[in-house]
Every structure is written in C-alpha cells, then in structure tokens.
Amino acid sequence: MRLKANLLTIVTLFVATAMVAISCEKDDVGVIPNAKEIECSAGDRPTISFSAGGDWSLSSDAVWCQFITSGGELQEMSGPAGSHTITLKITDDNNGTNWSTANITMKMGANRGIIATIKRHPSELYMRLYDVTDTPKKEIELAYIDWIPFRLEANFRFAATSIPEWVEIGYKDENGDMYTDHSIAGVPGEQTEAYARIVNNGERERYKIEVEDGYVITFSDESGDNTFEFPIIYKGMGSDKISFEGPTSQTYGWEVSLDGTKFRQTNSIDGTTVTFDNELEFSIAAQDDSYKVIRIDQNIERGIPSHKIFQEDGSHCWIGCKRKEGDQSLLSITIEQSETVRHGIVMVVPMAIWNKIRGDIGSFIFDTDDSSGVELPVIHEDYQQYVIMEFSQHNFEQSEYEGMYIYHSITALEIYAAPYTNTAVMEQYGVGEGMAYQCDFVNSVEGKRPGIIIDPRTEGWTTPNYEGGNATAEVFYKGEKLKLSEGEYYIGENKDEILALHLWGPNAGFTENVYIVFKVGGVARKLLVVTPPAK
C-alpha cells in the first residue's frame, strides 16, 4: 500500500510539471514584442525586426504606411513563428505640414498590441521663384521705372515678413490695372504673380545691386517657424535713362541778371517768384553717374533763333557747368557777365544717348516747327526730356519804363532793342540821352507779311490816352511821315493787351532806316530806329 501511494505521488508531480511546462509554452506563443518608435520621411523604407512564438498578423492604420511583400504593398500581412524583418513603404499620401503617425499592430494568438509607431516627418516645405515664362529664377529683380514681373509658388500658406522700404511691389487686377502694396502673400498650390521695382530717390537708382550686397525679401509660413529668402538684384537704371531734380519743378522760364549773380523764376501757375544767388544746382540721376552736359547758345536775330552747341568737354562757353568734386551727380550752372541780352539752354543726356548723337548733335536734338508759317528750329520732342534749364539773361535793374519790348509778329520771339547813340538823329527827333533805341526789322516770309510789334515802355503811352489823343506815334521813312491809312503800321494792343505799335512796312520792304517817335501829350518820349531787313 505504501508503494502504491509513493507511485501515485510521483505520477501526480509529473503531470503537474508537464501542465506547467505546457502552460509556459502557450504563454511564449502569445507574447507581443515591445513597441518601437521609428522616425522617417516620405519615400523612406524603414524596417521592423521581431521574433514570434507562433503565427502572427500585422496591420497598419495609415494608408501612407504599407508593408512590402512578395504580393505587393499591403495594409495587412501575416507570417509564421520565427524571426522576421519587415520593410515598410512610406508614401507622401496626405502629407501635410505637421507630423503624421502610423501604428503597426500585431495579433498573435489571443494577444494584440502595437509593436511600432511610425512618425512621418512633415511634408518638406518648398518655395519656388519663376519669371513669367515659368523659368526658375534665384533672385527677385527690380526694375527702374517700369515693372519686372515674377511668380512665387509654395506648398504652404506664406507671406512676406521683410521687404526693404525702397522696394515697391505691384499687382495687376483683372483689368490689367496696376496697383501697389508693400506685401506679398500666397496660398498652397497656386502661383502668386507680383511686380517689383526700385523706389527712386535720385541716388540709389544710379547704382547696381548685386546678390553679394545682401539685400533680400524674406517669406514665412503661418507658424513663423520656417522662412525663405530670395536675394534682390537691380541691374541699374540703364545707360539710356536719366532723371534730374532742379531748384524748382519748372525747367523753362529762368532769368539771369546781366552780371550773372542772380537767378530767378516766376511760377507760371501762382505768379510767385524765387531767387537764387550765383549758381543753380541740379541733382542728376544717371547710371553710375555717367552723363554728358550739352550747352546751347540760342541767338535770336530778327525774331528767328539759331543755335550754337557746346559740348561739356569742348571749347569755352559763357554757360558754365561744373560737377561737384566727390559727387558727380551734383551739377552747378553758372552764367558769365554780359552787356547784352542772351538766351541759353542746358541739357543733360545719358551715355547711351550721347554715344548715339555725339557725331551730329544738332541734327538729332533739333526739329523744325512751321506751325507759325515760319520754319523755326526747336528741341525735338524726344529730347525735351533732357532739358534741365532754358533761360534768358537780361537787365534785372531795368524799370517798367526803361528800354523797349519788341517781338516778331509771327514767331512772337523777342527782338533785342539796343541803345542808340547818334546824337544828331536824336536831336532831329527831339529826344535826349537814354531815350533812343535801335532794332532790326524782320526778314520777309514767303506768303506772309511779317512785322514787328513794339511796346515802348513809356509812362502815359496807354490805350486810354491813345483813344483820347494824348498818346501818339510818328513813323518816318525816307524823310516822309507814314500814314496809318497806308497800312504801313497801326496802333493797337499787343499779346499782353498793352498798347503797342505794329510796324508792317511796304510790300517792297524797307531799304532804309525807319524812325518811330513815341509821344505823350505832344512831347517826344522815345525814339526807335528800325534797320532794314537783311539782304
């Protein structure tokens, strides 16, 4: 009986031991490997290695994370017990600007658990620059006056966070009209078209901007964590461009005193007058400060202008021009002293234009205006933009009743009245010293009958006095007094509605001097000697 009891005990222990062993074996079959974390990017092929005690299956909960198998790329797969290395395919499906997560879950027997967490990097942010032909560019180019278009493309919402204040950005609406702003913004997947140019200030546009100068436009995503920079370049205003800024906004109508020490100009709109001493200074904006000065002596003879051109580096001219030492963009104009009325024009031209016209300047810059019936040389409309100053030099000290104002009846250009000093003639017509003047009569014009219009600038010689018989004029030719009824002259108002004498002359033309005596109250006040036309 004792033997049987011992045997029973041994059998019981064996069975229990076997059951424990079987139980442990079943537990090993169902153990899920510890979870791992793997970082990767779209396009990567990460692997997962594990050992399994039994049959297993894997599944991915993200479409962008698949298992590479002999049967293709799958979202689920299975395999037998043993050691395995599984390769994953990471695609860019639904890849945004944030991290993406995929869980790899294993099922083995009755157990289930995550064995790997795959963290996919955010989509790589990109920003691309193109010209309007969609050619890739590396820099944003600025224009001078016009605009240079460019296009931006990004896979994120962006905005410019830094634009230099001297860069102007433009946009066109659906009608093609340009409007300006100081910002650029865009959305993913769409091209943003904008235009750029430099803000001119008379200085910065004169010089090129290279990549090495370090100027950029900076863009950022919405978070501000990612920035992109594009260099700014500027090829310059071009050798065919120029701009200038003078003492006033007006180019024409300058006056210079006979001694050359005073410059003045009267505003054509409000009538105000500004005065400058000794010189006028102009700021010239040209590519790399390369420009040429052209000075023109405008001689008006018998009411018809002619011109003599002086180059900057040519022979001496009474119109002085000097560039400031150390700053070639600053140009000062001075005028030499004179005893007679003179007229002048100053032009500045960019180098490309200078190289074009330098061989025959006059034929390029002058045109012919025959609208008055007389062919007159004038600055060609294409070259008027280069005129910085047009002026006349005359006596500032002359009162309103000194001298005479005479002009061509067709061209309306002034004819200079010079002092006349023949005492015998002055005594003959009853005028004293400083009361006589001389001018030239105009030449004939085919199909027209030109003359001169004379304002004697004499106190009391006015329209009311003339109508009352107190202001008169006597015209003598070849010793005889001409008559109003002959049509050789008449008295009426001039273009400024001031009483004037209009002298036409006989159809055959004057061949000798004409003497005109202006009287007030029967007393001779002034004498004008008119020389005959040139032959």
Protein backbone atom coordinates (compact mmCIF):
# COMPACT_ATOMS: atom_id res chain seq x y z
CA MET A 1 0.00 0.00 0.00
CA ARG A 2 2.91 2.32 0.80
CA LEU A 3 4.45 1.61 -2.60
CA LYS A 4 1.28 2.46 -4.38
CA ALA A 5 0.98 5.73 -2.51
CA ASN A 6 4.50 6.79 -3.48
CA LEU A 7 3.93 5.90 -7.08
CA LEU A 8 0.74 7.95 -7.10
CA THR A 9 2.59 10.92 -5.70
CA ILE A 10 5.30 10.69 -8.42
CA VAL A 11 2.73 10.47 -11.19
CA THR A 12 0.85 13.44 -9.77
CA LEU A 13 4.03 15.54 -9.63
CA PHE A 14 4.93 14.59 -13.25
CA VAL A 15 1.54 15.55 -14.54
CA ALA A 16 1.64 18.86 -12.68
CA THR A 17 5.09 19.58 -14.00
CA ALA A 18 4.02 18.80 -17.54
CA MET A 19 1.00 21.05 -17.23
CA VAL A 20 3.20 23.93 -16.05
CA ALA A 21 5.53 23.41 -18.99
CA ILE A 22 2.65 23.35 -21.44
CA SER A 23 1.20 26.47 -19.86
CA CYS A 24 4.54 28.32 -20.16
CA GLU A 25 4.87 27.24 -23.80
CA LYS A 26 1.45 28.66 -24.63
CA ASP A 27 2.37 31.95 -22.89
CA ASP A 28 5.55 32.32 -25.09
CA VAL A 29 3.46 31.89 -28.22
CA GLY A 30 1.25 34.89 -27.37
CA VAL A 31 3.94 37.40 -26.25
CA ILE A 32 3.79 40.65 -28.27
CA PRO A 33 7.20 42.31 -28.86
CA ASN A 34 7.90 45.62 -27.13
CA ALA A 35 6.82 48.69 -29.11
CA LYS A 36 9.41 50.72 -31.03
CA GLU A 37 9.27 54.31 -32.41
CA ILE A 38 10.64 54.99 -35.85
CA GLU A 39 11.05 58.41 -37.49
CA CYS A 40 11.09 58.61 -41.27
CA SER A 41 10.15 60.74 -44.24
CA ALA A 42 8.06 60.14 -47.32
CA GLY A 43 9.99 57.89 -49.67
CA ASP A 44 11.89 56.09 -46.90
CA ARG A 45 11.95 52.27 -46.45
CA PRO A 46 12.27 51.63 -42.68
CA THR A 47 12.33 48.03 -41.30
CA ILE A 48 10.86 46.30 -38.25
CA SER A 49 12.54 43.18 -36.79
CA PHE A 50 10.90 40.82 -34.27
CA SER A 51 10.68 37.20 -33.12
CA ALA A 52 7.33 35.46 -32.77
CA GLY A 53 6.48 32.23 -30.98
CA GLY A 54 3.58 31.50 -33.25
CA ASP A 55 1.62 32.60 -36.22
CA TRP A 56 1.10 36.35 -36.35
CA SER A 57 -0.51 39.12 -38.40
CA LEU A 58 0.33 42.79 -38.76
CA SER A 59 -1.82 45.77 -39.76
CA SER A 60 -1.11 49.48 -40.42
CA ASP A 61 -3.70 52.12 -39.60
CA ALA A 62 -2.39 54.67 -42.13
CA VAL A 63 -2.63 54.42 -45.91
CA TRP A 64 0.75 56.05 -46.28
CA CYS A 65 2.47 53.25 -44.32
CA GLN A 66 2.33 49.85 -46.06
CA PHE A 67 4.13 46.53 -45.85
CA ILE A 68 6.29 45.49 -48.78
CA THR A 69 5.54 41.84 -49.52
CA SER A 70 6.03 39.43 -52.35
CA GLY A 71 2.45 40.10 -53.24
CA GLY A 72 2.89 43.87 -53.34
CA GLU A 73 2.37 46.71 -50.89
CA LEU A 74 -0.31 45.80 -48.37
CA GLN A 75 -2.01 47.32 -45.35
CA GLU A 76 -2.08 43.89 -43.65
CA MET A 77 0.18 40.83 -43.73
CA SER A 78 0.81 37.65 -41.76
CA GLY A 79 3.51 35.08 -41.14
CA PRO A 80 4.66 32.02 -39.16
CA ALA A 81 6.63 31.80 -35.93
CA GLY A 82 10.28 32.76 -36.02
CA SER A 83 12.44 35.82 -36.58
CA HIS A 84 11.35 38.31 -39.20
CA THR A 85 12.33 41.66 -40.69
CA ILE A 86 9.54 43.58 -42.32
CA THR A 87 10.13 46.51 -44.73
CA LEU A 88 7.69 49.39 -44.77
CA LYS A 89 6.88 51.73 -47.66
CA ILE A 90 6.34 55.34 -46.60
CA THR A 91 4.48 57.42 -49.18
CA ASP A 92 3.56 61.12 -49.34
CA ASP A 93 -0.21 60.50 -49.24
CA ASN A 94 -1.95 63.18 -47.17
CA ASN A 95 1.39 64.54 -46.13
CA GLY A 96 0.87 67.97 -44.58
CA THR A 97 2.98 70.45 -42.70
CA ASN A 98 2.60 68.55 -39.38
CA TRP A 99 3.97 65.21 -38.17
CA SER A 100 1.96 62.10 -39.20
CA THR A 101 1.70 58.94 -37.07
CA ALA A 102 1.01 55.33 -38.09
CA ASN A 103 0.62 52.42 -35.65
CA ILE A 104 1.73 48.89 -36.57
CA THR A 105 -0.40 46.42 -34.64
CA MET A 106 0.45 42.73 -34.17
CA LYS A 107 -2.05 39.99 -33.43
CA MET A 108 -0.67 36.67 -32.22
CA GLY A 109 -2.97 34.08 -30.73
CA ALA A 110 -5.30 35.75 -28.32
CA ASN A 111 -2.97 38.73 -27.80
CA ARG A 112 -2.90 42.01 -29.66
CA GLY A 113 -0.63 45.06 -29.33
CA ILE A 114 1.28 47.85 -31.05
CA ILE A 115 4.81 46.84 -31.92
CA ALA A 116 5.85 50.04 -33.76
CA THR A 117 4.83 53.68 -34.02
CA ILE A 118 5.94 55.26 -37.29
CA LYS A 119 6.34 59.05 -37.19
CA ARG A 120 6.50 60.63 -40.64
CA HIS A 121 8.17 63.99 -41.00
CA PRO A 122 6.02 66.89 -42.17
CA SER A 123 5.98 67.46 -45.91
CA GLU A 124 9.15 69.32 -46.88
CA LEU A 125 8.22 72.96 -47.33
CA TYR A 126 9.31 74.49 -50.59
CA MET A 127 9.06 77.89 -52.19
CA ARG A 128 10.00 78.46 -55.79
CA LEU A 129 10.59 81.60 -57.84
CA TYR A 130 9.86 81.90 -61.56
CA ASP A 131 9.68 84.55 -64.23
CA VAL A 132 6.51 84.94 -66.29
CA THR A 133 7.64 82.20 -68.67
CA ASP A 134 7.88 79.81 -65.68
CA THR A 135 11.64 79.73 -65.96
CA PRO A 136 13.14 79.09 -62.48
CA LYS A 137 14.91 82.11 -61.01
CA LYS A 138 17.12 82.58 -57.97
CA GLU A 139 16.74 86.33 -57.43
CA ILE A 140 13.96 88.91 -57.48
CA GLU A 141 14.97 91.60 -59.95
CA LEU A 142 13.91 95.22 -59.53
CA ALA A 143 13.09 97.49 -62.44
CA TYR A 144 13.88 101.21 -62.69
CA ILE A 145 10.68 102.92 -63.91
CA ASP A 146 8.68 100.06 -65.39
CA TRP A 147 7.96 96.82 -63.53
CA ILE A 148 9.58 93.39 -63.69
CA PRO A 149 7.09 90.56 -63.05
CA PHE A 150 7.84 87.41 -61.04
CA ARG A 151 5.90 84.42 -59.74
CA LEU A 152 6.04 82.57 -56.42
CA GLU A 153 4.87 79.03 -55.74
CA ALA A 154 4.85 77.20 -52.38
CA ASN A 155 3.24 74.20 -50.73
CA PHE A 156 2.21 76.26 -47.73
CA ARG A 157 0.43 79.50 -46.98
CA PHE A 158 3.03 82.26 -46.94
CA ALA A 159 3.53 85.98 -46.56
CA ALA A 160 6.48 88.33 -46.93
CA THR A 161 7.75 89.28 -43.49
CA SER A 162 10.55 91.61 -44.57
CA ILE A 163 10.69 93.87 -47.65
CA PRO A 164 13.15 96.80 -47.82
CA GLU A 165 11.32 100.12 -47.81
CA TRP A 166 12.97 101.07 -51.09
CA VAL A 167 11.40 98.10 -52.89
CA GLU A 168 7.97 98.69 -54.41
CA ILE A 169 5.67 95.73 -55.05
CA GLY A 170 2.89 95.89 -57.62
CA TYR A 171 -0.09 93.76 -58.61
CA LYS A 172 -2.43 93.76 -61.59
CA ASP A 173 -6.16 93.34 -61.24
CA GLU A 174 -8.41 91.51 -63.65
CA ASN A 175 -8.47 94.57 -65.92
CA GLY A 176 -4.70 94.72 -66.08
CA ASP A 177 -4.51 97.88 -63.99
CA MET A 178 -1.51 98.12 -61.69
CA TYR A 179 -1.78 98.93 -58.03
CA THR A 180 0.95 98.94 -55.41
CA ASP A 181 1.36 97.45 -51.97
CA HIS A 182 4.19 96.65 -49.60
CA SER A 183 3.30 92.99 -49.05
CA ILE A 184 3.21 89.64 -50.82
CA ALA A 185 1.07 86.66 -49.77
CA GLY A 186 0.07 83.34 -51.30
CA VAL A 187 -1.69 80.03 -50.72
CA PRO A 188 -0.51 76.43 -51.33
CA GLY A 189 -0.67 75.09 -54.85
CA GLU A 190 -1.26 78.42 -56.58
CA GLN A 191 1.19 80.76 -58.26
CA THR A 192 1.27 84.31 -56.94
CA GLU A 193 2.25 86.88 -59.55
CA ALA A 194 3.70 90.21 -58.49
CA TYR A 195 5.86 93.01 -59.90
CA ALA A 196 8.86 94.78 -58.43
CA ARG A 197 10.78 98.00 -58.97
CA ILE A 198 13.12 100.22 -57.04
CA VAL A 199 11.84 103.33 -55.27
CA ASN A 200 13.80 106.17 -56.83
CA ASN A 201 15.29 108.89 -54.66
CA GLY A 202 17.82 110.38 -57.05
CA GLU A 203 20.64 108.28 -55.65
CA ARG A 204 20.01 104.58 -55.14
CA GLU A 205 18.76 104.01 -58.69
CA ARG A 206 22.11 105.18 -60.06
CA TYR A 207 23.95 102.04 -58.98
CA LYS A 208 23.53 98.31 -59.49
CA ILE A 209 22.58 95.93 -56.69
CA GLU A 210 24.27 92.54 -56.73
CA VAL A 211 23.50 89.35 -54.79
CA GLU A 212 26.66 89.95 -52.81
CA ASP A 213 25.19 93.17 -51.43
CA GLY A 214 22.98 91.02 -49.22
CA TYR A 215 19.55 92.56 -49.75
CA VAL A 216 16.71 90.02 -49.55
CA ILE A 217 12.95 89.63 -49.33
CA THR A 218 12.02 87.20 -46.55
CA PHE A 219 8.95 84.96 -46.57
CA SER A 220 7.48 82.89 -43.72
CA ASP A 221 4.84 80.24 -43.16
CA GLU A 222 1.88 80.84 -40.86
CA SER A 223 3.70 79.50 -37.81
CA GLY A 224 6.70 81.69 -38.41
CA ASP A 225 8.97 78.68 -37.85
CA ASN A 226 10.00 78.33 -41.49
CA THR A 227 11.45 81.17 -43.56
CA PHE A 228 12.68 81.52 -47.13
CA GLU A 229 14.83 84.31 -48.53
CA PHE A 230 15.28 85.48 -52.10
CA PRO A 231 18.11 87.88 -52.94
CA ILE A 232 17.30 91.23 -54.55
CA ILE A 233 19.19 92.34 -57.65
CA TYR A 234 18.97 95.55 -59.67
CA LYS A 235 20.76 95.95 -62.96
CA GLY A 236 20.63 99.72 -62.74
CA MET A 237 18.55 102.38 -64.44
CA GLY A 238 20.28 101.72 -67.74
CA SER A 239 22.70 103.81 -69.73
CA ASP A 240 19.79 105.23 -71.78
CA LYS A 241 17.91 106.63 -68.75
CA ILE A 242 18.35 109.83 -66.80
CA SER A 243 16.38 111.96 -64.37
CA PHE A 244 17.09 115.21 -62.59
CA GLU A 245 15.88 117.46 -59.83
CA GLY A 246 16.41 121.20 -60.01
CA PRO A 247 15.88 124.14 -57.67
CA THR A 248 12.23 124.26 -58.82
CA SER A 249 9.88 121.93 -60.62
CA GLN A 250 9.91 124.11 -63.75
CA THR A 251 12.52 123.78 -66.48
CA TYR A 252 11.64 126.79 -68.58
CA GLY A 253 11.34 130.49 -67.81
CA TRP A 254 14.59 131.06 -65.92
CA GLU A 255 16.03 134.58 -65.90
CA VAL A 256 19.64 135.55 -65.19
CA SER A 257 20.91 139.03 -64.37
CA LEU A 258 23.41 140.63 -66.72
CA ASP A 259 26.18 140.28 -64.13
CA GLY A 260 25.35 136.59 -63.72
CA THR A 261 24.88 136.81 -59.94
CA LYS A 262 21.09 136.42 -59.76
CA PHE A 263 18.84 133.65 -60.99
CA ARG A 264 15.09 133.94 -60.75
CA GLN A 265 11.97 132.19 -61.97
CA THR A 266 8.29 133.11 -61.79
CA ASN A 267 5.82 130.30 -61.23
CA SER A 268 3.50 130.07 -64.22
CA ILE A 269 0.60 129.00 -62.02
CA ASP A 270 0.58 131.18 -58.93
CA GLY A 271 2.86 134.01 -60.09
CA THR A 272 5.32 133.68 -57.20
CA THR A 273 8.99 134.37 -57.87
CA VAL A 274 12.01 132.59 -56.39
CA THR A 275 15.57 133.91 -56.50
CA PHE A 276 18.96 132.19 -56.20
CA ASP A 277 22.44 133.67 -55.92
CA ASN A 278 25.44 132.97 -58.16
CA GLU A 279 24.51 129.49 -59.41
CA LEU A 280 21.83 126.86 -59.82
CA GLU A 281 22.46 123.32 -58.60
CA PHE A 282 20.87 120.25 -60.16
CA SER A 283 20.89 116.66 -58.93
CA ILE A 284 21.38 114.29 -61.87
CA ALA A 285 20.50 110.60 -61.61
CA ALA A 286 22.28 108.56 -64.28
CA GLN A 287 23.68 105.04 -64.38
CA ASP A 288 26.97 105.11 -62.45
CA ASP A 289 26.88 108.94 -62.71
CA SER A 290 27.68 108.68 -66.42
CA TYR A 291 26.10 111.53 -68.35
CA LYS A 292 27.07 114.42 -70.61
CA VAL A 293 26.16 118.09 -70.47
CA ILE A 294 25.18 119.97 -73.64
CA ARG A 295 25.14 123.76 -73.56
CA ILE A 296 23.34 125.72 -76.27
CA ASP A 297 23.83 129.39 -77.07
CA GLN A 298 20.49 130.45 -78.57
CA ASN A 299 20.90 133.55 -80.69
CA ILE A 300 17.69 135.30 -81.75
CA GLU A 301 18.26 137.50 -84.77
CA ARG A 302 15.37 139.44 -86.29
CA GLY A 303 12.98 137.20 -84.34
CA ILE A 304 14.42 133.94 -85.71
CA PRO A 305 16.51 131.69 -83.43
CA SER A 306 19.74 129.94 -84.30
CA HIS A 307 21.86 127.75 -82.08
CA LYS A 308 25.49 127.08 -81.32
CA ILE A 309 26.21 123.88 -79.43
CA PHE A 310 28.95 123.49 -76.83
CA GLN A 311 29.91 120.07 -75.53
CA GLU A 312 30.84 119.60 -71.89
CA ASP A 313 34.46 118.93 -72.72
CA GLY A 314 34.60 121.26 -75.70
CA SER A 315 35.57 124.87 -76.19
CA HIS A 316 34.82 127.66 -73.74
CA CYS A 317 31.20 128.74 -73.36
CA TRP A 318 29.63 131.59 -71.40
CA ILE A 319 27.34 128.97 -69.84
CA GLY A 320 29.43 127.27 -67.17
CA CYS A 321 28.83 123.74 -65.87
CA LYS A 322 30.76 122.07 -63.07
CA ARG A 323 30.32 118.73 -61.36
CA LYS A 324 30.78 118.65 -57.62
CA GLU A 325 34.03 117.04 -56.54
CA GLY A 326 33.28 113.76 -54.83
CA ASP A 327 29.69 113.64 -56.05
CA GLN A 328 29.34 113.61 -59.82
CA SER A 329 25.56 113.65 -59.57
CA LEU A 330 25.56 117.30 -58.47
CA LEU A 331 25.88 119.79 -61.31
CA SER A 332 26.13 123.55 -60.86
CA ILE A 333 25.30 126.04 -63.61
CA THR A 334 26.90 129.50 -63.71
CA ILE A 335 26.48 132.29 -66.26
CA GLU A 336 29.18 134.76 -67.23
CA GLN A 337 28.64 138.52 -67.18
CA SER A 338 27.14 140.12 -70.29
CA GLU A 339 26.28 143.59 -71.59
CA THR A 340 23.51 142.40 -73.90
CA VAL A 341 20.53 140.07 -73.75
CA ARG A 342 21.40 136.40 -74.27
CA HIS A 343 19.45 133.15 -74.34
CA GLY A 344 20.62 129.67 -73.46
CA ILE A 345 19.60 126.04 -72.97
CA VAL A 346 21.28 123.38 -70.82
CA MET A 347 20.69 119.67 -71.43
CA VAL A 348 21.95 116.50 -69.76
CA VAL A 349 21.89 113.22 -71.69
CA PRO A 350 22.66 109.64 -70.55
CA MET A 351 25.67 107.93 -72.06
CA ALA A 352 23.75 105.68 -74.46
CA ILE A 353 22.02 108.70 -75.97
CA TRP A 354 25.28 110.65 -76.04
CA ASN A 355 27.03 107.88 -77.94
CA LYS A 356 24.17 107.93 -80.43
CA ILE A 357 24.16 111.68 -81.12
CA ARG A 358 27.72 112.79 -80.43
CA GLY A 359 28.72 112.77 -84.09
CA ASP A 360 25.98 115.18 -85.19
CA ILE A 361 24.24 116.58 -82.11
CA GLY A 362 22.24 119.30 -83.84
CA SER A 363 20.55 117.03 -86.37
CA PHE A 364 19.33 114.79 -83.57
CA ILE A 365 18.15 117.23 -80.93
CA PHE A 366 16.61 119.88 -83.19
CA ASP A 367 13.38 119.65 -85.15
CA THR A 368 11.53 122.17 -87.32
CA ASP A 369 8.32 123.86 -86.17
CA ASP A 370 6.48 125.56 -89.04
CA SER A 371 3.13 125.99 -87.29
CA SER A 372 3.56 129.78 -87.31
CA GLY A 373 4.28 129.84 -91.03
CA VAL A 374 7.96 130.32 -90.35
CA GLU A 375 10.33 127.39 -90.04
CA LEU A 376 11.82 127.55 -86.55
CA PRO A 377 14.40 125.21 -85.04
CA VAL A 378 13.08 123.74 -81.77
CA ILE A 379 14.18 120.96 -79.44
CA HIS A 380 12.82 117.67 -80.77
CA GLU A 381 10.07 116.24 -78.57
CA ASP A 382 12.17 113.11 -77.96
CA TYR A 383 14.93 115.28 -76.47
CA GLN A 384 12.88 117.79 -74.50
CA GLN A 385 13.07 115.40 -71.53
CA TYR A 386 16.81 116.16 -71.32
CA VAL A 387 16.43 119.93 -70.99
CA ILE A 388 17.16 120.96 -67.40
CA MET A 389 17.22 124.71 -67.92
CA GLU A 390 16.07 127.26 -70.51
CA PHE A 391 16.81 130.90 -69.70
CA SER A 392 17.32 134.44 -70.85
CA GLN A 393 19.94 136.82 -69.49
CA HIS A 394 18.89 140.45 -69.24
CA ASN A 395 18.93 143.55 -67.06
CA PHE A 396 17.13 142.97 -63.76
CA GLU A 397 17.51 146.61 -62.75
CA GLN A 398 15.53 147.95 -65.67
CA SER A 399 12.28 149.59 -64.57
CA GLU A 400 8.97 149.05 -66.32
CA TYR A 401 9.50 152.27 -68.26
CA GLU A 402 13.06 151.56 -69.40
CA GLY A 403 14.10 150.11 -72.73
CA MET A 404 11.63 148.69 -75.23
CA TYR A 405 9.95 145.34 -75.71
CA ILE A 406 9.85 144.27 -79.35
CA TYR A 407 8.93 140.95 -80.91
CA HIS A 408 8.39 139.25 -84.26
CA SER A 409 4.73 139.40 -85.29
CA ILE A 410 4.73 135.74 -86.43
CA THR A 411 7.21 133.92 -84.22
CA ALA A 412 6.49 136.08 -81.12
CA LEU A 413 10.20 135.85 -80.29
CA GLU A 414 11.80 138.93 -78.78
CA ILE A 415 13.98 141.22 -80.87
CA TYR A 416 16.62 142.95 -78.80
CA ALA A 417 16.44 146.75 -78.62
CA ALA A 418 19.95 148.15 -78.18
CA PRO A 419 20.74 151.70 -77.01
CA TYR A 420 21.07 154.19 -79.89
CA THR A 421 23.68 156.95 -79.51
CA ASN A 422 23.64 159.03 -82.71
CA THR A 423 23.14 162.46 -81.10
CA ALA A 424 22.41 164.19 -84.39
CA VAL A 425 19.48 161.91 -85.14
CA MET A 426 18.30 162.10 -81.53
CA GLU A 427 18.27 165.92 -81.71
CA GLN A 428 16.46 165.77 -85.04
CA TYR A 429 13.59 163.84 -83.49
CA GLY A 430 13.61 165.65 -80.18
CA VAL A 431 14.81 163.00 -77.73
CA GLY A 432 17.63 163.14 -75.22
CA GLU A 433 20.28 160.74 -73.96
CA GLY A 434 18.99 157.33 -72.91
CA MET A 435 15.73 157.82 -74.82
CA ALA A 436 16.73 156.24 -78.17
CA TYR A 437 16.97 152.60 -79.19
CA GLN A 438 17.72 150.55 -82.27
CA CYS A 439 16.48 147.18 -83.51
CA ASP A 440 16.41 145.12 -86.70
CA PHE A 441 13.35 144.70 -88.87
CA VAL A 442 12.35 141.14 -89.71
CA ASN A 443 13.13 139.39 -92.96
CA SER A 444 10.41 138.58 -95.45
CA VAL A 445 8.43 135.34 -95.26
CA GLU A 446 7.01 133.73 -98.38
CA GLY A 447 3.25 134.07 -98.49
CA LYS A 448 3.14 136.26 -95.37
CA ARG A 449 3.73 139.87 -94.40
CA PRO A 450 5.68 139.81 -91.14
CA GLY A 451 6.38 142.80 -88.99
CA ILE A 452 7.45 143.85 -85.51
CA ILE A 453 5.30 144.77 -82.53
CA ILE A 454 6.71 147.48 -80.27
CA ASP A 455 5.86 148.32 -76.67
CA PRO A 456 7.90 151.48 -75.96
CA ARG A 457 7.52 151.05 -72.19
CA THR A 458 6.70 154.70 -71.80
CA GLU A 459 4.67 156.14 -68.98
CA GLY A 460 1.39 157.53 -70.25
CA TRP A 461 1.62 155.75 -73.58
CA THR A 462 -1.55 153.74 -72.91
CA THR A 463 -4.73 152.70 -74.67
CA PRO A 464 -6.94 155.26 -72.83
CA ASN A 465 -4.53 158.09 -73.63
CA TYR A 466 -4.27 156.97 -77.23
CA GLU A 467 -8.04 156.89 -77.60
CA GLY A 468 -8.14 160.39 -76.06
CA GLY A 469 -5.49 161.65 -78.46
CA ASN A 470 -2.86 162.16 -75.77
CA ALA A 471 -0.63 159.22 -76.78
CA THR A 472 0.63 159.25 -80.36
CA ALA A 473 3.40 157.94 -82.58
CA GLU A 474 5.02 159.28 -85.74
CA VAL A 475 6.70 156.97 -88.25
CA PHE A 476 9.25 158.36 -90.74
CA TYR A 477 10.73 156.59 -93.75
CA LYS A 478 12.94 158.20 -96.38
CA GLY A 479 12.22 161.58 -94.85
CA GLU A 480 8.45 161.24 -95.07
CA LYS A 481 5.89 160.56 -92.38
CA LEU A 482 3.97 157.35 -92.98
CA LYS A 483 0.24 157.33 -92.53
CA LEU A 484 -1.93 154.89 -90.66
CA SER A 485 -4.26 154.84 -93.63
CA GLU A 486 -1.47 153.49 -95.80
CA GLY A 487 -1.43 150.29 -93.78
CA GLU A 488 2.30 150.52 -93.15
CA TYR A 489 1.71 150.45 -89.43
CA TYR A 490 -1.12 150.62 -86.94
CA ILE A 491 -1.52 151.19 -83.23
CA GLY A 492 -3.34 148.65 -81.11
CA GLU A 493 -2.76 146.29 -78.22
CA ASN A 494 -0.17 143.53 -78.17
CA LYS A 495 -0.43 139.94 -76.89
CA ASP A 496 -0.33 141.24 -73.30
CA GLU A 497 -3.14 143.75 -74.03
CA ILE A 498 -0.72 146.65 -73.73
CA LEU A 499 -0.76 149.48 -76.26
CA ALA A 500 1.80 148.81 -79.00
CA LEU A 501 2.74 149.92 -82.46
CA HIS A 502 2.63 147.28 -85.18
CA LEU A 503 5.05 148.06 -87.99
CA TRP A 504 4.49 146.07 -91.19
CA GLY A 505 6.40 148.03 -93.79
CA PRO A 506 5.72 148.44 -97.51
CA ASN A 507 5.17 145.42 -99.72
CA ALA A 508 8.51 146.06 -101.36
CA GLY A 509 10.20 146.01 -97.97
CA PHE A 510 12.28 148.61 -96.18
CA THR A 511 15.59 149.52 -97.75
CA GLU A 512 16.50 152.30 -95.31
CA ASN A 513 16.06 153.02 -91.63
CA VAL A 514 12.63 153.68 -90.19
CA TYR A 515 12.35 156.22 -87.36
CA ILE A 516 9.49 155.97 -84.87
CA VAL A 517 8.87 158.72 -82.32
CA PHE A 518 6.60 157.90 -79.39
CA LYS A 519 4.91 160.95 -77.86
CA VAL A 520 2.80 161.63 -74.80
CA GLY A 521 0.98 164.97 -74.62
CA GLY A 522 2.76 166.05 -77.81
CA VAL A 523 6.24 165.61 -76.25
CA ALA A 524 8.71 163.09 -77.71
CA ARG A 525 9.46 160.48 -75.08
CA LYS A 526 11.33 157.77 -77.00
CA LEU A 527 12.84 157.10 -80.40
CA LEU A 528 13.21 153.72 -82.10
CA VAL A 529 15.46 153.33 -85.14
CA VAL A 530 14.50 150.24 -87.16
CA THR A 531 17.17 148.99 -89.55
CA PRO A 532 16.04 147.43 -92.85
CA PRO A 533 15.76 143.66 -93.35
CA ALA A 534 18.91 141.69 -94.07
CA LYS A 535 19.61 141.06 -97.72
